[in-house]
N, C-alpha and C. Protein backbone atom coordinates (compact mmCIF):
# COMPACT_ATOMS: atom_id res chain seq x y z
N MET A 1 0.80 -1.18 0.00
CA MET A 1 0.00 0.00 0.00
C MET A 1 0.85 1.26 0.00
N LYS A 2 1.99 1.15 0.70
CA LYS A 2 2.85 2.31 0.75
C LYS A 2 3.39 2.65 -0.64
N ASN A 3 3.70 1.68 -1.45
CA ASN A 3 4.23 1.91 -2.79
C ASN A 3 3.18 2.54 -3.69
N SER A 4 1.93 2.20 -3.53
CA SER A 4 0.88 2.74 -4.40
C SER A 4 0.67 4.23 -4.14
N LYS A 5 0.87 4.69 -2.90
CA LYS A 5 0.73 6.12 -2.62
C LYS A 5 1.82 6.91 -3.35
N HIS A 6 3.04 6.38 -3.36
CA HIS A 6 4.13 7.07 -4.04
C HIS A 6 3.93 7.04 -5.55
N LYS A 7 3.37 5.95 -6.06
CA LYS A 7 3.13 5.84 -7.49
C LYS A 7 2.05 6.82 -7.93
N LEU A 8 1.11 7.12 -7.10
CA LEU A 8 0.05 8.07 -7.41
C LEU A 8 0.55 9.50 -7.25
N LEU A 9 1.49 9.72 -6.37
CA LEU A 9 2.00 11.06 -6.10
C LEU A 9 2.84 11.58 -7.28
N ILE A 10 3.58 10.74 -7.95
CA ILE A 10 4.45 11.15 -9.05
C ILE A 10 3.64 11.71 -10.22
N PRO A 11 2.58 11.04 -10.71
CA PRO A 11 1.80 11.63 -11.81
C PRO A 11 1.13 12.93 -11.39
N LEU A 12 0.70 13.03 -10.14
CA LEU A 12 0.06 14.27 -9.69
C LEU A 12 1.05 15.43 -9.72
N VAL A 13 2.28 15.19 -9.30
CA VAL A 13 3.29 16.24 -9.33
C VAL A 13 3.60 16.64 -10.76
N LEU A 14 3.67 15.67 -11.67
CA LEU A 14 3.93 15.98 -13.07
C LEU A 14 2.81 16.82 -13.68
N VAL A 15 1.57 16.48 -13.38
CA VAL A 15 0.44 17.25 -13.90
C VAL A 15 0.48 18.66 -13.35
N LEU A 16 0.76 18.81 -12.08
CA LEU A 16 0.82 20.12 -11.44
C LEU A 16 1.93 20.97 -12.06
N MET A 17 3.09 20.35 -12.30
CA MET A 17 4.20 21.11 -12.89
C MET A 17 3.89 21.53 -14.31
N SER A 18 3.27 20.70 -15.09
CA SER A 18 2.95 21.08 -16.46
C SER A 18 1.86 22.13 -16.52
N SER A 19 0.94 22.13 -15.58
CA SER A 19 -0.13 23.14 -15.58
C SER A 19 0.40 24.50 -15.15
N VAL A 20 1.41 24.54 -14.30
CA VAL A 20 2.00 25.81 -13.87
C VAL A 20 2.65 26.50 -15.07
N HIS A 21 3.36 25.74 -15.89
CA HIS A 21 3.99 26.33 -17.07
C HIS A 21 2.93 26.80 -18.06
N ALA A 22 1.84 26.11 -18.17
CA ALA A 22 0.80 26.49 -19.10
C ALA A 22 0.12 27.79 -18.66
N THR A 23 -0.06 27.99 -17.36
CA THR A 23 -0.71 29.22 -16.91
C THR A 23 0.19 30.42 -17.15
N PHE A 24 1.49 30.26 -16.98
CA PHE A 24 2.37 31.39 -17.26
C PHE A 24 2.44 31.67 -18.76
N GLY A 25 2.31 30.67 -19.57
CA GLY A 25 2.33 30.85 -21.02
C GLY A 25 1.08 31.57 -21.52
N GLN A 26 -0.01 31.54 -20.77
CA GLN A 26 -1.25 32.17 -21.20
C GLN A 26 -1.44 33.55 -20.62
N SER A 27 -0.48 34.03 -19.87
CA SER A 27 -0.64 35.36 -19.27
C SER A 27 -0.55 36.42 -20.36
N THR A 28 -1.22 37.53 -20.12
CA THR A 28 -1.21 38.61 -21.11
C THR A 28 0.11 39.36 -21.01
N GLN A 29 0.58 39.77 -22.13
CA GLN A 29 1.82 40.51 -22.16
C GLN A 29 1.53 41.99 -22.26
N THR A 30 2.45 42.78 -21.74
CA THR A 30 2.28 44.23 -21.84
C THR A 30 2.54 44.66 -23.27
N PRO A 31 1.82 45.67 -23.76
CA PRO A 31 2.06 46.12 -25.13
C PRO A 31 3.45 46.75 -25.23
N PRO A 32 4.12 46.56 -26.36
CA PRO A 32 5.46 47.11 -26.50
C PRO A 32 5.43 48.63 -26.54
N ASN A 33 6.49 49.22 -26.03
CA ASN A 33 6.62 50.67 -26.04
C ASN A 33 6.96 51.11 -27.46
N SER A 34 6.41 52.21 -27.91
CA SER A 34 6.63 52.64 -29.28
C SER A 34 8.06 53.15 -29.50
N ALA A 35 8.67 53.62 -28.46
CA ALA A 35 10.05 54.09 -28.56
C ALA A 35 10.85 53.51 -27.41
N PRO A 36 11.26 52.25 -27.51
CA PRO A 36 11.91 51.59 -26.37
C PRO A 36 13.30 52.17 -26.07
N ASN A 37 13.97 52.75 -27.03
CA ASN A 37 15.31 53.24 -26.79
C ASN A 37 15.35 54.71 -26.39
N SER A 38 14.23 55.42 -26.49
CA SER A 38 14.26 56.83 -26.14
C SER A 38 14.07 56.99 -24.64
N PRO A 39 14.76 57.96 -24.06
CA PRO A 39 14.63 58.16 -22.62
C PRO A 39 13.27 58.75 -22.27
N GLY A 40 12.71 58.32 -21.18
CA GLY A 40 11.41 58.82 -20.75
C GLY A 40 11.56 60.13 -20.01
N SER A 41 10.49 60.89 -19.96
CA SER A 41 10.54 62.17 -19.29
C SER A 41 10.37 62.02 -17.79
N GLY A 42 9.81 60.93 -17.35
CA GLY A 42 9.60 60.72 -15.93
C GLY A 42 8.25 61.26 -15.46
N ILE A 43 7.58 62.09 -16.25
CA ILE A 43 6.27 62.63 -15.88
C ILE A 43 5.30 62.29 -17.00
N ARG A 44 4.26 61.61 -16.65
CA ARG A 44 3.24 61.25 -17.62
C ARG A 44 2.16 62.33 -17.61
N ALA A 45 1.43 62.43 -18.69
CA ALA A 45 0.36 63.42 -18.78
C ALA A 45 -0.77 63.10 -17.83
N SER A 46 -0.95 61.84 -17.51
CA SER A 46 -2.06 61.46 -16.63
C SER A 46 -1.70 61.58 -15.16
N ASP A 47 -0.41 61.79 -14.84
CA ASP A 47 -0.01 61.92 -13.44
C ASP A 47 -0.50 63.25 -12.87
N GLY A 48 -0.91 63.22 -11.65
CA GLY A 48 -1.34 64.45 -11.00
C GLY A 48 -0.16 65.18 -10.42
N VAL A 49 -0.20 66.48 -10.41
CA VAL A 49 0.85 67.29 -9.86
C VAL A 49 0.28 67.99 -8.64
N PRO A 50 0.99 67.99 -7.53
CA PRO A 50 0.47 68.71 -6.37
C PRO A 50 0.27 70.18 -6.70
N SER A 51 -0.73 70.78 -6.05
CA SER A 51 -1.09 72.16 -6.38
C SER A 51 -0.01 73.15 -5.99
N SER A 52 1.01 72.73 -5.22
CA SER A 52 2.06 73.66 -4.83
C SER A 52 3.06 73.86 -5.96
N GLU A 53 3.10 72.97 -6.96
CA GLU A 53 4.02 73.10 -8.08
C GLU A 53 3.32 73.73 -9.27
N PHE A 54 4.07 74.42 -10.07
CA PHE A 54 3.60 75.02 -11.32
C PHE A 54 2.38 75.92 -11.10
N LYS A 55 2.38 76.71 -10.11
CA LYS A 55 1.23 77.59 -9.86
C LYS A 55 1.31 78.76 -10.82
N VAL A 56 0.23 78.96 -11.49
CA VAL A 56 0.12 80.08 -12.40
C VAL A 56 -0.88 81.05 -11.78
N PRO A 57 -0.47 82.27 -11.44
CA PRO A 57 -1.41 83.18 -10.80
C PRO A 57 -2.49 83.62 -11.76
N SER A 58 -3.65 83.88 -11.18
CA SER A 58 -4.77 84.36 -12.00
C SER A 58 -4.54 85.82 -12.33
N ARG A 59 -5.47 86.39 -13.11
CA ARG A 59 -5.31 87.78 -13.51
C ARG A 59 -5.35 88.72 -12.31
N ASN A 60 -6.19 88.44 -11.36
CA ASN A 60 -6.27 89.23 -10.14
C ASN A 60 -5.76 88.38 -9.00
N SER A 61 -4.48 88.37 -8.78
CA SER A 61 -3.95 87.56 -7.72
C SER A 61 -4.22 88.16 -6.36
N ASP A 62 -4.43 89.47 -6.28
CA ASP A 62 -4.75 90.10 -5.00
C ASP A 62 -6.18 89.78 -4.58
N ASP A 63 -7.10 89.85 -5.53
CA ASP A 63 -8.51 89.63 -5.22
C ASP A 63 -8.82 88.16 -5.03
N ASN A 64 -8.19 87.32 -5.86
CA ASN A 64 -8.52 85.89 -5.85
C ASN A 64 -7.28 85.12 -5.44
N PRO A 65 -7.17 84.62 -4.23
CA PRO A 65 -5.98 83.86 -3.83
C PRO A 65 -5.89 82.51 -4.52
N LYS A 66 -6.95 82.10 -5.17
CA LYS A 66 -6.97 80.81 -5.85
C LYS A 66 -6.18 80.90 -7.15
N THR A 67 -5.38 79.90 -7.46
CA THR A 67 -4.59 79.92 -8.70
C THR A 67 -5.29 79.09 -9.75
N GLN A 68 -4.86 79.30 -10.98
CA GLN A 68 -5.43 78.52 -12.08
C GLN A 68 -4.99 77.07 -11.98
N ASN A 69 -3.87 76.83 -11.35
CA ASN A 69 -3.33 75.50 -11.25
C ASN A 69 -4.07 74.65 -10.24
N SER A 70 -4.94 75.25 -9.48
CA SER A 70 -5.64 74.47 -8.47
C SER A 70 -6.76 73.64 -9.08
N GLU A 71 -7.10 73.91 -10.31
CA GLU A 71 -8.10 73.10 -10.98
C GLU A 71 -7.44 71.80 -11.45
N PRO A 72 -8.11 70.66 -11.35
CA PRO A 72 -7.48 69.38 -11.68
C PRO A 72 -7.02 69.27 -13.13
N GLY A 73 -7.74 69.74 -14.08
CA GLY A 73 -7.36 69.63 -15.49
C GLY A 73 -6.16 70.48 -15.82
N THR A 74 -6.04 71.62 -15.19
CA THR A 74 -4.94 72.53 -15.47
C THR A 74 -3.63 71.95 -14.98
N ARG A 75 -3.62 71.32 -13.83
CA ARG A 75 -2.40 70.74 -13.30
C ARG A 75 -1.85 69.67 -14.25
N ASN A 76 -2.72 68.84 -14.74
CA ASN A 76 -2.28 67.78 -15.65
C ASN A 76 -1.77 68.36 -16.95
N SER A 77 -2.40 69.40 -17.44
CA SER A 77 -1.97 70.00 -18.70
C SER A 77 -0.60 70.65 -18.56
N ILE A 78 -0.40 71.36 -17.46
CA ILE A 78 0.90 72.02 -17.26
C ILE A 78 2.00 70.99 -17.11
N ALA A 79 1.75 69.95 -16.35
CA ALA A 79 2.75 68.90 -16.19
C ALA A 79 3.06 68.23 -17.52
N ALA A 80 2.02 67.99 -18.30
CA ALA A 80 2.24 67.36 -19.61
C ALA A 80 3.02 68.29 -20.52
N CYS A 81 2.72 69.59 -20.47
CA CYS A 81 3.45 70.56 -21.29
C CYS A 81 4.92 70.63 -20.87
N MET A 82 5.17 70.63 -19.57
CA MET A 82 6.54 70.67 -19.09
C MET A 82 7.30 69.40 -19.48
N ALA A 83 6.62 68.28 -19.39
CA ALA A 83 7.25 67.02 -19.79
C ALA A 83 7.56 67.03 -21.28
N ALA A 84 6.62 67.55 -22.07
CA ALA A 84 6.83 67.63 -23.52
C ALA A 84 7.99 68.58 -23.83
N ALA A 85 8.08 69.70 -23.10
CA ALA A 85 9.17 70.65 -23.32
C ALA A 85 10.51 70.02 -22.96
N ASN A 86 10.55 69.28 -21.87
CA ASN A 86 11.79 68.60 -21.48
C ASN A 86 12.18 67.55 -22.51
N ASP A 87 11.18 66.80 -22.98
CA ASP A 87 11.46 65.80 -24.02
C ASP A 87 11.97 66.46 -25.29
N LEU A 88 11.38 67.60 -25.67
CA LEU A 88 11.80 68.30 -26.87
C LEU A 88 13.24 68.79 -26.72
N GLU A 89 13.59 69.30 -25.56
CA GLU A 89 14.95 69.77 -25.33
C GLU A 89 15.94 68.62 -25.40
N LYS A 90 15.59 67.51 -24.77
CA LYS A 90 16.47 66.33 -24.81
C LYS A 90 16.58 65.80 -26.24
N THR A 91 15.48 65.83 -26.97
CA THR A 91 15.48 65.35 -28.36
C THR A 91 16.39 66.22 -29.21
N ARG A 92 16.35 67.52 -29.01
CA ARG A 92 17.22 68.42 -29.77
C ARG A 92 18.69 68.16 -29.45
N VAL A 93 18.99 67.93 -28.18
CA VAL A 93 20.37 67.63 -27.80
C VAL A 93 20.81 66.32 -28.46
N LEU A 94 19.94 65.31 -28.40
CA LEU A 94 20.28 64.02 -29.01
C LEU A 94 20.39 64.13 -30.53
N ALA A 95 19.55 64.95 -31.15
CA ALA A 95 19.63 65.14 -32.60
C ALA A 95 20.95 65.80 -32.97
N GLY A 96 21.37 66.76 -32.18
CA GLY A 96 22.67 67.39 -32.43
C GLY A 96 23.81 66.40 -32.31
N GLU A 97 23.74 65.57 -31.29
CA GLU A 97 24.78 64.54 -31.11
C GLU A 97 24.77 63.55 -32.26
N LEU A 98 23.58 63.18 -32.73
CA LEU A 98 23.49 62.25 -33.86
C LEU A 98 24.07 62.87 -35.13
N GLU A 99 23.80 64.16 -35.34
CA GLU A 99 24.36 64.83 -36.51
C GLU A 99 25.88 64.87 -36.43
N ARG A 100 26.41 65.16 -35.23
CA ARG A 100 27.86 65.17 -35.05
C ARG A 100 28.44 63.79 -35.29
N GLU A 101 27.77 62.78 -34.78
CA GLU A 101 28.24 61.40 -34.99
C GLU A 101 28.17 61.02 -36.46
N ASN A 102 27.11 61.44 -37.15
CA ASN A 102 27.00 61.16 -38.58
C ASN A 102 28.11 61.83 -39.37
N SER A 103 28.46 63.07 -39.00
CA SER A 103 29.55 63.75 -39.71
C SER A 103 30.87 63.04 -39.45
N LEU A 104 31.09 62.58 -38.22
CA LEU A 104 32.31 61.83 -37.93
C LEU A 104 32.35 60.51 -38.70
N LEU A 105 31.20 59.85 -38.78
CA LEU A 105 31.14 58.60 -39.54
C LEU A 105 31.37 58.85 -41.03
N SER A 106 30.87 59.98 -41.54
CA SER A 106 31.11 60.32 -42.95
C SER A 106 32.59 60.56 -43.20
N GLU A 107 33.25 61.27 -42.28
CA GLU A 107 34.68 61.49 -42.40
C GLU A 107 35.43 60.17 -42.37
N ARG A 108 35.02 59.30 -41.47
CA ARG A 108 35.68 57.99 -41.36
C ARG A 108 35.48 57.19 -42.64
N LEU A 109 34.27 57.27 -43.22
CA LEU A 109 34.00 56.55 -44.47
C LEU A 109 34.90 57.07 -45.58
N GLU A 110 35.05 58.39 -45.68
CA GLU A 110 35.92 58.96 -46.71
C GLU A 110 37.36 58.53 -46.50
N THR A 111 37.79 58.51 -45.25
CA THR A 111 39.15 58.06 -44.94
C THR A 111 39.33 56.60 -45.34
N GLU A 112 38.33 55.79 -45.03
CA GLU A 112 38.41 54.36 -45.39
C GLU A 112 38.44 54.19 -46.91
N LYS A 113 37.70 55.02 -47.64
CA LYS A 113 37.71 54.93 -49.10
C LYS A 113 39.09 55.28 -49.65
N ARG A 114 39.70 56.35 -49.10
CA ARG A 114 41.04 56.73 -49.54
C ARG A 114 42.05 55.64 -49.20
N THR A 115 41.91 55.07 -48.01
CA THR A 115 42.81 53.99 -47.60
C THR A 115 42.67 52.79 -48.52
N LEU A 116 41.42 52.46 -48.85
CA LEU A 116 41.18 51.33 -49.75
C LEU A 116 41.79 51.58 -51.12
N ALA A 117 41.67 52.81 -51.63
CA ALA A 117 42.25 53.13 -52.93
C ALA A 117 43.78 52.99 -52.89
N LEU A 118 44.39 53.49 -51.81
CA LEU A 118 45.85 53.37 -51.68
C LEU A 118 46.29 51.92 -51.56
N LEU A 119 45.53 51.14 -50.78
CA LEU A 119 45.89 49.73 -50.62
C LEU A 119 45.71 48.96 -51.93
N THR A 120 44.70 49.32 -52.70
CA THR A 120 44.50 48.67 -54.00
C THR A 120 45.66 49.00 -54.94
N GLU A 121 46.07 50.28 -54.93
CA GLU A 121 47.21 50.67 -55.76
C GLU A 121 48.48 49.96 -55.32
N LEU A 122 48.69 49.85 -54.02
CA LEU A 122 49.85 49.14 -53.49
C LEU A 122 49.83 47.67 -53.90
N ASN A 123 48.66 47.06 -53.85
CA ASN A 123 48.53 45.66 -54.24
C ASN A 123 48.87 45.48 -55.72
N GLU A 124 48.39 46.39 -56.57
CA GLU A 124 48.70 46.30 -58.00
C GLU A 124 50.20 46.48 -58.23
N THR A 125 50.82 47.41 -57.50
CA THR A 125 52.26 47.62 -57.63
C THR A 125 53.04 46.38 -57.22
N ARG A 126 52.61 45.77 -56.14
CA ARG A 126 53.28 44.54 -55.69
C ARG A 126 53.12 43.42 -56.70
N LYS A 127 51.95 43.32 -57.32
CA LYS A 127 51.76 42.29 -58.36
C LYS A 127 52.70 42.54 -59.53
N THR A 128 52.84 43.81 -59.92
CA THR A 128 53.73 44.15 -61.04
C THR A 128 55.18 43.82 -60.69
N GLU A 129 55.59 44.19 -59.47
CA GLU A 129 56.95 43.87 -59.03
C GLU A 129 57.18 42.37 -58.97
N SER A 130 56.21 41.65 -58.50
CA SER A 130 56.33 40.19 -58.42
C SER A 130 56.49 39.59 -59.81
N GLU A 131 55.72 40.10 -60.78
CA GLU A 131 55.82 39.59 -62.15
C GLU A 131 57.19 39.93 -62.73
N ALA A 132 57.70 41.13 -62.45
CA ALA A 132 59.03 41.52 -62.95
C ALA A 132 60.11 40.63 -62.33
N LEU A 133 59.98 40.33 -61.04
CA LEU A 133 60.96 39.43 -60.40
C LEU A 133 60.91 38.03 -61.00
N ARG A 134 59.71 37.56 -61.31
CA ARG A 134 59.60 36.23 -61.94
C ARG A 134 60.31 36.21 -63.30
N SER A 135 60.10 37.25 -64.10
CA SER A 135 60.75 37.28 -65.41
C SER A 135 62.27 37.41 -65.26
N THR A 136 62.75 38.15 -64.25
CA THR A 136 64.19 38.27 -63.99
C THR A 136 64.78 36.92 -63.60
N VAL A 137 64.08 36.20 -62.75
CA VAL A 137 64.56 34.87 -62.33
C VAL A 137 64.58 33.91 -63.52
N ALA A 138 63.57 34.00 -64.39
CA ALA A 138 63.55 33.13 -65.56
C ALA A 138 64.73 33.46 -66.49
N ALA A 139 65.04 34.76 -66.69
CA ALA A 139 66.17 35.16 -67.54
C ALA A 139 67.49 34.69 -66.92
N LYS A 140 67.61 34.80 -65.59
CA LYS A 140 68.83 34.34 -64.91
C LYS A 140 69.00 32.84 -65.11
N ASN A 141 67.90 32.11 -64.98
CA ASN A 141 67.98 30.65 -65.17
C ASN A 141 68.38 30.30 -66.60
N ASP A 142 67.88 31.06 -67.59
CA ASP A 142 68.28 30.82 -68.98
C ASP A 142 69.77 31.09 -69.17
N THR A 143 70.27 32.18 -68.56
CA THR A 143 71.69 32.52 -68.66
C THR A 143 72.56 31.44 -68.03
N ILE A 144 72.14 30.96 -66.88
CA ILE A 144 72.91 29.89 -66.22
C ILE A 144 72.90 28.63 -67.06
N ALA A 145 71.77 28.32 -67.67
CA ALA A 145 71.71 27.12 -68.53
C ALA A 145 72.61 27.28 -69.75
N ALA A 146 72.66 28.50 -70.34
CA ALA A 146 73.52 28.73 -71.51
C ALA A 146 74.99 28.61 -71.11
N LYS A 147 75.36 29.18 -69.97
CA LYS A 147 76.76 29.06 -69.51
C LYS A 147 77.12 27.61 -69.23
N GLY A 148 76.18 26.87 -68.68
CA GLY A 148 76.41 25.44 -68.44
C GLY A 148 76.63 24.69 -69.74
N ALA A 149 75.88 25.07 -70.79
CA ALA A 149 76.06 24.41 -72.09
C ALA A 149 77.43 24.75 -72.67
N VAL A 150 77.87 26.01 -72.51
CA VAL A 150 79.19 26.39 -73.02
C VAL A 150 80.28 25.64 -72.27
N ILE A 151 80.15 25.55 -70.97
CA ILE A 151 81.16 24.81 -70.17
C ILE A 151 81.18 23.34 -70.56
N ALA A 152 80.02 22.76 -70.77
CA ALA A 152 79.96 21.35 -71.19
C ALA A 152 80.62 21.17 -72.56
N SER A 153 80.39 22.12 -73.45
CA SER A 153 81.00 22.05 -74.78
C SER A 153 82.51 22.14 -74.68
N GLN A 154 83.01 23.04 -73.83
CA GLN A 154 84.46 23.16 -73.67
C GLN A 154 85.05 21.91 -73.02
N ASP A 155 84.36 21.33 -72.06
CA ASP A 155 84.84 20.08 -71.46
C ASP A 155 84.91 18.96 -72.50
N LYS A 156 83.94 18.92 -73.39
CA LYS A 156 83.94 17.90 -74.44
C LYS A 156 85.12 18.10 -75.39
N LEU A 157 85.39 19.37 -75.72
CA LEU A 157 86.52 19.67 -76.60
C LEU A 157 87.85 19.30 -75.94
N ILE A 158 87.98 19.55 -74.65
CA ILE A 158 89.20 19.18 -73.93
C ILE A 158 89.39 17.68 -73.93
N GLU A 159 88.32 16.95 -73.69
CA GLU A 159 88.40 15.48 -73.71
C GLU A 159 88.78 14.98 -75.10
N THR A 160 88.22 15.62 -76.10
CA THR A 160 88.54 15.20 -77.47
C THR A 160 90.02 15.45 -77.79
N LEU A 161 90.50 16.60 -77.37
CA LEU A 161 91.91 16.91 -77.62
C LEU A 161 92.84 16.00 -76.83
N LYS A 162 92.45 15.61 -75.64
CA LYS A 162 93.28 14.70 -74.86
C LYS A 162 93.34 13.33 -75.51
N ARG A 163 92.23 12.89 -76.08
CA ARG A 163 92.19 11.57 -76.70
C ARG A 163 92.92 11.55 -78.05
N LYS A 164 92.93 12.66 -78.68
CA LYS A 164 93.55 12.72 -80.01
C LYS A 164 95.08 12.77 -79.85
N LYS A 165 95.76 11.70 -80.32
CA LYS A 165 97.22 11.66 -80.22
C LYS A 165 97.80 11.81 -81.64
N THR A 166 98.88 12.52 -81.69
CA THR A 166 99.51 12.71 -83.00
C THR A 166 100.33 11.45 -83.37
N SER A 167 100.39 11.17 -84.64
CA SER A 167 101.11 9.97 -85.08
C SER A 167 102.61 10.25 -85.13
N ILE A 168 103.38 9.18 -85.24
CA ILE A 168 104.83 9.30 -85.26
C ILE A 168 105.29 10.02 -86.51
N TRP A 169 104.72 9.74 -87.63
CA TRP A 169 105.12 10.37 -88.88
C TRP A 169 104.86 11.87 -88.83
N ARG A 170 103.83 12.22 -88.19
CA ARG A 170 103.53 13.65 -88.08
C ARG A 170 104.55 14.34 -87.19
N ARG A 171 104.94 13.70 -86.12
CA ARG A 171 105.95 14.28 -85.25
C ARG A 171 107.30 14.37 -85.99
N LEU A 172 107.65 13.35 -86.74
CA LEU A 172 108.89 13.36 -87.51
C LEU A 172 108.89 14.46 -88.56
N GLY A 173 107.72 14.68 -89.16
CA GLY A 173 107.59 15.76 -90.16
C GLY A 173 107.75 17.11 -89.49
N ASP A 174 107.23 17.25 -88.31
CA ASP A 174 107.34 18.52 -87.59
C ASP A 174 108.80 18.79 -87.22
N VAL A 175 109.55 17.74 -86.85
CA VAL A 175 110.96 17.90 -86.49
C VAL A 175 111.77 18.28 -87.73
N LEU A 176 111.51 17.67 -88.87
CA LEU A 176 112.25 17.97 -90.10
C LEU A 176 111.96 19.39 -90.58
N VAL A 177 110.76 19.84 -90.44
CA VAL A 177 110.41 21.21 -90.84
C VAL A 177 111.15 22.17 -89.92
N GLY A 178 111.23 21.86 -88.66
CA GLY A 178 111.94 22.72 -87.73
C GLY A 178 113.43 22.77 -88.05
N ALA A 179 114.03 21.62 -88.41
CA ALA A 179 115.46 21.58 -88.72
C ALA A 179 115.73 22.35 -90.01
N ALA A 180 114.88 22.26 -90.97
CA ALA A 180 115.06 22.98 -92.23
C ALA A 180 114.96 24.47 -91.99
N ALA A 181 114.09 24.86 -91.12
CA ALA A 181 113.94 26.29 -90.83
C ALA A 181 115.19 26.82 -90.14
N ILE A 182 115.81 26.04 -89.28
CA ILE A 182 117.02 26.46 -88.60
C ILE A 182 118.17 26.54 -89.61
N ALA A 183 118.26 25.60 -90.52
CA ALA A 183 119.32 25.61 -91.50
C ALA A 183 119.21 26.80 -92.42
N LEU A 184 118.12 27.19 -92.76
CA LEU A 184 117.93 28.35 -93.61
C LEU A 184 118.25 29.64 -92.90
N LEU A 185 118.00 29.68 -91.70
CA LEU A 185 118.25 30.90 -90.94
C LEU A 185 119.76 31.06 -90.68
N LYS A 186 120.48 30.08 -90.68
CA LYS A 186 121.90 30.18 -90.43
C LYS A 186 122.62 30.57 -91.65
């Protein structure tokens, strides 16, 4: 019997937990603010202002100690007007700051454009230099190959001359020509 109570308790807890999430999911949401990023004035038009603030004297302040601000509608209107004036002043300050920021961003954009143009020109110059270096290296390699061919040709000629031996008759002829030349000179 003890086990059956615990088995019944678990589904009840699960149902309770799922219903709690469902009730929060069905709650009404507050309507979004039309200007969520703008600073609020702190005074709403519907808020009441104590009669000691914003007193506007009547035309006959000596005769009538009552002020115009003591009427309920007037207090709300003056507070709303003051709040609107404060908002307008803050808006003008923010608009000026935005214009200054926009001018700075425009200057930065122009600077970035000039920088991009210079970097593009530098990149093209480097490509041209790289191509010139490649052609120089290719010409150097051709020159080295030509010099290697000349050296190989000279080595072949040296080997050929070393292998070529003069015959005995040729040496004897050279000696006789030399002796005849000496005899004539004497």
